[in-house]
Amino acid sequence: MKARTAPKREGAPKRPVLIVLHQEHSTAGRVGRLLRERGHALDIRRPRFGDPLPTTLAEHAGALIFGGPMSANDGDDFVKTEIEWIGVALAEERPFLGLCLGAQMLAKLLGAPVYAHPEGRAEIGYYPLVPTADGQALAKGLGVPWPSHVYHWHREGFDRPAGTTTLATGDDFPTQAIQVGPRAFGLQFHPEVTHAMMCRWTVRAAERLMLPGAQNRSRQIEGRFMYDPHVSRWLDAFLDHWLQEPDAAAKPAERAKEGGGGPIPSR
């Protein structure tokens, strides 16, 4: 089934979305395509290679920090800078999304430990995702249930930071999705990965597939055909929710108070 795309709206140009990548040839994958379809330019920054990060997100619709081979525990200056910079998005309550390493950086900023599995296990491939009650409430607002399985490529996980909400859990790495305040999210998995990206990763980093718990290449390809259509639909709906301006969500509520009726969107 073809993924639903947001309708194009006439009016002022939309603000760009800040994209933080960690390797020279990395891309924003499917997330980047969906953002462009919604009319957002991608402001791509690579702090690892000297790109600065903005002091405010006032000129951006939101920000994403993607994954990478490094650890949130590394002492590199760019790692520390990115972790501290997430505080800008949280303080301004702008949409922030951390994917894999980006989620671990978010957790690290908020005081939670980021650590390897005690038995050296990895999640590389498709693994089950179990939404919590709060996650189910979010899915109800999206109109799309969480995927049953999602794509991973990591050897470290994180605990839920104090004051945040767990949206989904897993097995070897229990914390899979968190929400921080009204507009910030961290996902341990990779909904942005395209088929081409998965094929490239499983070839260029084939040695990782030998780690305990990792799935072989053929199983990952099979898993993509089984699970990715649902991941694609979920991501499409999630990005609409993530980019929604607060006043847009408030207007139906205001109409209801005035007797205009209509459902109040879930936040």
Protein backbone atom coordinates (compact mmCIF):
# COMPACT_ATOMS: atom_id res chain seq x y z
CA MET A 1 0.00 0.00 0.00
CA LYS A 2 1.33 3.39 -0.94
CA ALA A 3 2.20 5.58 2.03
CA ARG A 4 -0.09 8.51 2.66
CA THR A 5 1.47 11.89 2.05
CA ALA A 6 0.50 15.19 3.58
CA PRO A 7 -1.59 17.43 1.33
CA LYS A 8 0.24 20.39 -0.13
CA ARG A 9 -0.91 23.73 1.20
CA GLU A 10 -0.64 27.10 -0.45
CA GLY A 11 0.83 30.01 1.45
CA ALA A 12 4.14 31.14 2.89
CA PRO A 13 7.13 28.83 2.37
CA LYS A 14 7.64 26.36 5.18
CA ARG A 15 10.65 26.61 7.42
CA PRO A 16 13.47 24.13 6.86
CA VAL A 17 14.10 21.16 9.14
CA LEU A 18 17.53 20.86 10.71
CA ILE A 19 19.17 17.51 9.92
CA VAL A 20 22.24 16.41 11.92
CA LEU A 21 24.26 13.61 10.30
CA HIS A 22 27.45 11.91 11.43
CA GLN A 23 29.18 10.51 8.36
CA GLU A 24 30.36 12.19 5.19
CA HIS A 25 28.00 10.33 2.86
CA SER A 26 25.05 9.74 5.21
CA THR A 27 21.59 10.87 4.13
CA ALA A 28 18.28 11.51 5.84
CA GLY A 29 16.78 8.54 3.98
CA ARG A 30 13.03 8.14 3.96
CA VAL A 31 12.56 10.82 6.62
CA GLY A 32 14.24 13.35 4.35
CA ARG A 33 12.02 12.41 1.42
CA LEU A 34 8.86 12.72 3.50
CA LEU A 35 9.91 16.10 4.86
CA ARG A 36 10.61 17.41 1.36
CA GLU A 37 7.21 16.13 0.21
CA ARG A 38 5.70 18.26 2.96
CA GLY A 39 7.45 21.33 1.58
CA HIS A 40 10.36 21.54 4.04
CA ALA A 41 13.91 22.11 2.85
CA LEU A 42 16.59 20.10 4.66
CA ASP A 43 19.24 22.13 6.47
CA ILE A 44 21.91 19.43 6.72
CA ARG A 45 24.69 19.91 9.26
CA ARG A 46 27.59 17.60 10.11
CA PRO A 47 29.18 18.91 13.32
CA ARG A 48 31.69 16.08 13.14
CA PHE A 49 33.17 17.82 10.09
CA GLY A 50 33.01 21.36 11.47
CA ASP A 51 29.45 22.50 10.69
CA PRO A 52 28.04 24.78 13.41
CA LEU A 53 24.65 24.25 15.01
CA PRO A 54 22.19 27.17 15.29
CA THR A 55 21.82 29.00 18.59
CA THR A 56 18.03 28.89 18.20
CA LEU A 57 15.46 26.90 16.26
CA ALA A 58 13.29 29.95 15.63
CA GLU A 59 14.00 29.70 11.89
CA HIS A 60 13.46 25.92 11.70
CA ALA A 61 10.33 23.77 11.76
CA GLY A 62 12.15 21.14 13.84
CA ALA A 63 15.39 19.21 14.23
CA LEU A 64 16.52 15.61 13.89
CA ILE A 65 19.72 13.94 15.05
CA PHE A 66 20.36 10.69 13.20
CA GLY A 67 22.46 7.63 14.03
CA GLY A 68 26.12 6.89 13.53
CA PRO A 69 28.91 4.50 14.44
CA MET A 70 30.07 6.54 17.43
CA SER A 71 28.73 6.39 21.01
CA ALA A 72 26.98 9.04 23.06
CA ASN A 73 29.62 8.20 25.69
CA ASP A 74 32.52 9.20 23.43
CA GLY A 75 34.63 12.16 24.50
CA ASP A 76 34.82 13.82 21.07
CA ASP A 77 34.00 17.52 21.12
CA PHE A 78 31.30 17.18 18.46
CA VAL A 79 29.52 14.48 20.49
CA LYS A 80 29.50 16.67 23.59
CA THR A 81 28.38 19.67 21.51
CA GLU A 82 25.44 17.80 19.98
CA ILE A 83 24.30 16.46 23.34
CA GLU A 84 24.37 19.92 24.91
CA TRP A 85 22.71 21.47 21.87
CA ILE A 86 19.62 19.27 22.27
CA GLY A 87 18.86 21.49 25.25
CA VAL A 88 18.10 24.32 22.81
CA ALA A 89 15.28 22.34 21.20
CA LEU A 90 13.90 21.28 24.59
CA ALA A 91 14.05 24.79 26.06
CA GLU A 92 12.26 26.27 23.03
CA GLU A 93 9.79 23.34 22.85
CA ARG A 94 10.51 22.92 19.16
CA PRO A 95 9.97 19.56 17.47
CA PHE A 96 13.00 17.35 18.14
CA LEU A 97 13.49 13.75 17.03
CA GLY A 98 16.49 11.59 17.90
CA LEU A 99 16.99 8.35 15.99
CA CYS A 100 19.22 5.64 17.49
CA LEU A 101 22.36 7.62 18.43
CA GLY A 102 20.22 10.77 18.49
CA ALA A 103 17.86 9.12 21.01
CA GLN A 104 20.82 8.02 23.12
CA MET A 105 22.17 11.58 23.07
CA LEU A 106 18.78 12.84 24.25
CA ALA A 107 18.79 10.32 27.11
CA LYS A 108 22.38 11.24 28.01
CA LEU A 109 21.50 14.94 28.19
CA LEU A 110 18.67 14.12 30.59
CA GLY A 111 20.91 12.12 32.91
CA ALA A 112 20.12 8.54 31.87
CA PRO A 113 22.93 6.02 31.28
CA VAL A 114 23.78 4.84 27.77
CA TYR A 115 25.37 1.39 27.84
CA ALA A 116 26.15 -1.80 25.95
CA HIS A 117 24.11 -4.93 26.56
CA PRO A 118 25.60 -6.82 29.54
CA GLU A 119 25.91 -9.98 27.40
CA GLY A 120 27.32 -8.17 24.40
CA ARG A 121 24.16 -8.61 22.37
CA ALA A 122 23.21 -6.34 19.49
CA GLU A 123 19.97 -5.46 17.73
CA ILE A 124 20.69 -5.53 14.02
CA GLY A 125 17.65 -6.38 11.94
CA TYR A 126 13.92 -6.42 12.68
CA TYR A 127 12.79 -6.90 16.27
CA PRO A 128 9.42 -6.67 18.07
CA LEU A 129 8.15 -3.34 19.35
CA VAL A 130 5.63 -3.24 22.22
CA PRO A 131 3.80 0.05 22.83
CA THR A 132 2.99 1.10 26.38
CA ALA A 133 -0.37 2.56 27.41
CA ASP A 134 1.02 6.02 26.65
CA GLY A 135 2.26 4.75 23.31
CA GLN A 136 -1.18 3.37 22.53
CA ALA A 137 -2.70 6.76 23.29
CA LEU A 138 -0.28 8.39 20.87
CA ALA A 139 -1.12 5.82 18.20
CA LYS A 140 -4.82 6.56 18.66
CA GLY A 141 -4.13 10.22 17.95
CA LEU A 142 -2.08 9.32 14.89
CA GLY A 143 -4.76 7.01 13.55
CA VAL A 144 -2.07 4.37 12.81
CA PRO A 145 -0.93 1.64 15.23
CA TRP A 146 2.72 1.13 16.05
CA PRO A 147 4.57 -1.31 13.80
CA SER A 148 4.89 -4.80 15.26
CA HIS A 149 8.59 -4.95 14.25
CA VAL A 150 11.08 -2.17 13.48
CA TYR A 151 14.59 -1.99 12.05
CA HIS A 152 17.58 -1.65 14.38
CA TRP A 153 21.31 -1.28 14.05
CA HIS A 154 22.90 -0.74 17.46
CA ARG A 155 24.89 -2.27 20.30
CA GLU A 156 24.03 0.27 22.98
CA GLY A 157 20.76 1.24 24.62
CA PHE A 158 19.58 3.60 27.34
CA ASP A 159 17.33 3.76 30.37
CA ARG A 160 14.29 5.98 30.50
CA PRO A 161 15.35 9.40 31.76
CA ALA A 162 13.50 10.75 34.79
CA GLY A 163 10.54 12.92 33.86
CA THR A 164 10.04 11.37 30.42
CA THR A 165 7.38 9.04 29.05
CA THR A 166 8.11 5.57 27.68
CA LEU A 167 6.09 4.99 24.51
CA ALA A 168 7.40 1.57 23.43
CA THR A 169 9.58 -1.22 24.81
CA GLY A 170 11.62 -4.11 23.46
CA ASP A 171 13.45 -7.23 24.63
CA ASP A 172 17.26 -6.99 24.76
CA PHE A 173 17.07 -3.19 24.90
CA PRO A 174 13.87 -2.40 26.82
CA THR A 175 13.63 1.37 26.15
CA GLN A 176 12.65 1.80 22.51
CA ALA A 177 10.72 5.08 22.31
CA ILE A 178 10.42 8.02 24.69
CA GLN A 179 8.71 11.39 24.71
CA VAL A 180 10.13 14.45 26.43
CA GLY A 181 7.68 17.27 26.98
CA PRO A 182 5.17 18.03 24.25
CA ARG A 183 7.37 17.90 21.15
CA ALA A 184 10.57 15.88 21.65
CA PHE A 185 10.92 12.17 20.90
CA GLY A 186 13.69 9.58 20.94
CA LEU A 187 13.43 6.35 18.94
CA GLN A 188 16.01 3.59 19.38
CA PHE A 189 15.11 2.19 15.96
CA HIS A 190 15.58 3.36 12.35
CA PRO A 191 12.31 4.19 10.53
CA GLU A 192 14.29 6.32 8.06
CA VAL A 193 16.17 3.39 6.51
CA THR A 194 15.40 2.68 2.86
CA HIS A 195 15.90 -0.67 1.15
CA ALA A 196 19.04 0.66 -0.53
CA MET A 197 20.42 1.86 2.82
CA MET A 198 19.80 -1.53 4.44
CA CYS A 199 21.54 -3.34 1.58
CA ARG A 200 24.50 -0.96 1.82
CA TRP A 201 24.84 -1.32 5.60
CA THR A 202 24.66 -5.12 5.51
CA VAL A 203 27.44 -5.24 2.91
CA ARG A 204 29.81 -2.54 4.17
CA ALA A 205 29.48 -3.56 7.82
CA ALA A 206 28.94 -7.29 7.28
CA GLU A 207 31.19 -8.12 10.25
CA ARG A 208 28.54 -6.67 12.58
CA LEU A 209 26.14 -9.40 11.52
CA MET A 210 28.27 -11.87 13.47
CA LEU A 211 27.50 -10.18 16.79
CA PRO A 212 25.29 -12.08 19.27
CA GLY A 213 21.65 -11.33 18.56
CA ALA A 214 22.23 -9.85 15.09
CA GLN A 215 20.23 -11.17 12.13
CA ASN A 216 21.88 -12.28 8.91
CA ARG A 217 21.37 -10.37 5.69
CA SER A 218 18.75 -12.65 4.16
CA ARG A 219 16.64 -12.52 7.31
CA GLN A 220 16.81 -8.72 7.32
CA ILE A 221 15.69 -8.51 3.69
CA GLU A 222 12.84 -10.91 4.42
CA GLY A 223 11.89 -8.83 7.46
CA ARG A 224 11.78 -5.68 5.37
CA PHE A 225 9.22 -7.14 2.98
CA MET A 226 7.15 -8.34 5.95
CA TYR A 227 7.25 -5.28 8.19
CA ASP A 228 8.34 -2.15 6.34
CA PRO A 229 4.98 -1.27 4.69
CA HIS A 230 3.53 -0.73 8.17
CA VAL A 231 6.64 1.17 9.33
CA SER A 232 6.25 3.47 6.32
CA ARG A 233 2.59 4.21 7.12
CA TRP A 234 3.35 4.82 10.78
CA LEU A 235 6.24 7.17 10.01
CA ASP A 236 4.13 9.17 7.59
CA ALA A 237 1.47 9.75 10.27
CA PHE A 238 4.04 10.35 13.00
CA LEU A 239 5.78 13.12 11.06
CA ASP A 240 2.47 14.92 10.56
CA HIS A 241 1.92 14.81 14.33
CA TRP A 242 5.52 15.80 15.10
CA LEU A 243 5.46 18.85 12.81
CA GLN A 244 2.03 20.07 13.88
CA GLU A 245 2.14 23.56 15.30
CA PRO A 246 0.61 23.85 18.80
CA ASP A 247 -1.91 26.50 17.72
CA ALA A 248 -3.14 24.14 14.98
CA ALA A 249 -3.95 21.55 17.62
CA ALA A 250 -5.60 24.15 19.85
CA LYS A 251 -8.04 25.51 17.28
CA PRO A 252 -10.39 22.46 17.26
CA ALA A 253 -10.46 22.58 21.07
CA GLU A 254 -11.34 26.25 20.99
CA ARG A 255 -14.14 25.56 18.50
CA ALA A 256 -15.50 22.81 20.73
CA LYS A 257 -15.60 25.19 23.71
CA GLU A 258 -17.53 27.64 21.56
CA GLY A 259 -20.04 24.98 20.59
CA GLY A 260 -18.57 24.30 17.18
CA GLY A 261 -18.19 20.57 17.89
CA GLY A 262 -15.66 18.25 16.30
CA PRO A 263 -13.04 15.98 17.85
CA ILE A 264 -10.10 17.32 19.81
CA PRO A 265 -6.84 15.93 18.43
CA SER A 266 -4.76 13.85 20.81
CA ARG A 267 -1.34 15.21 21.72
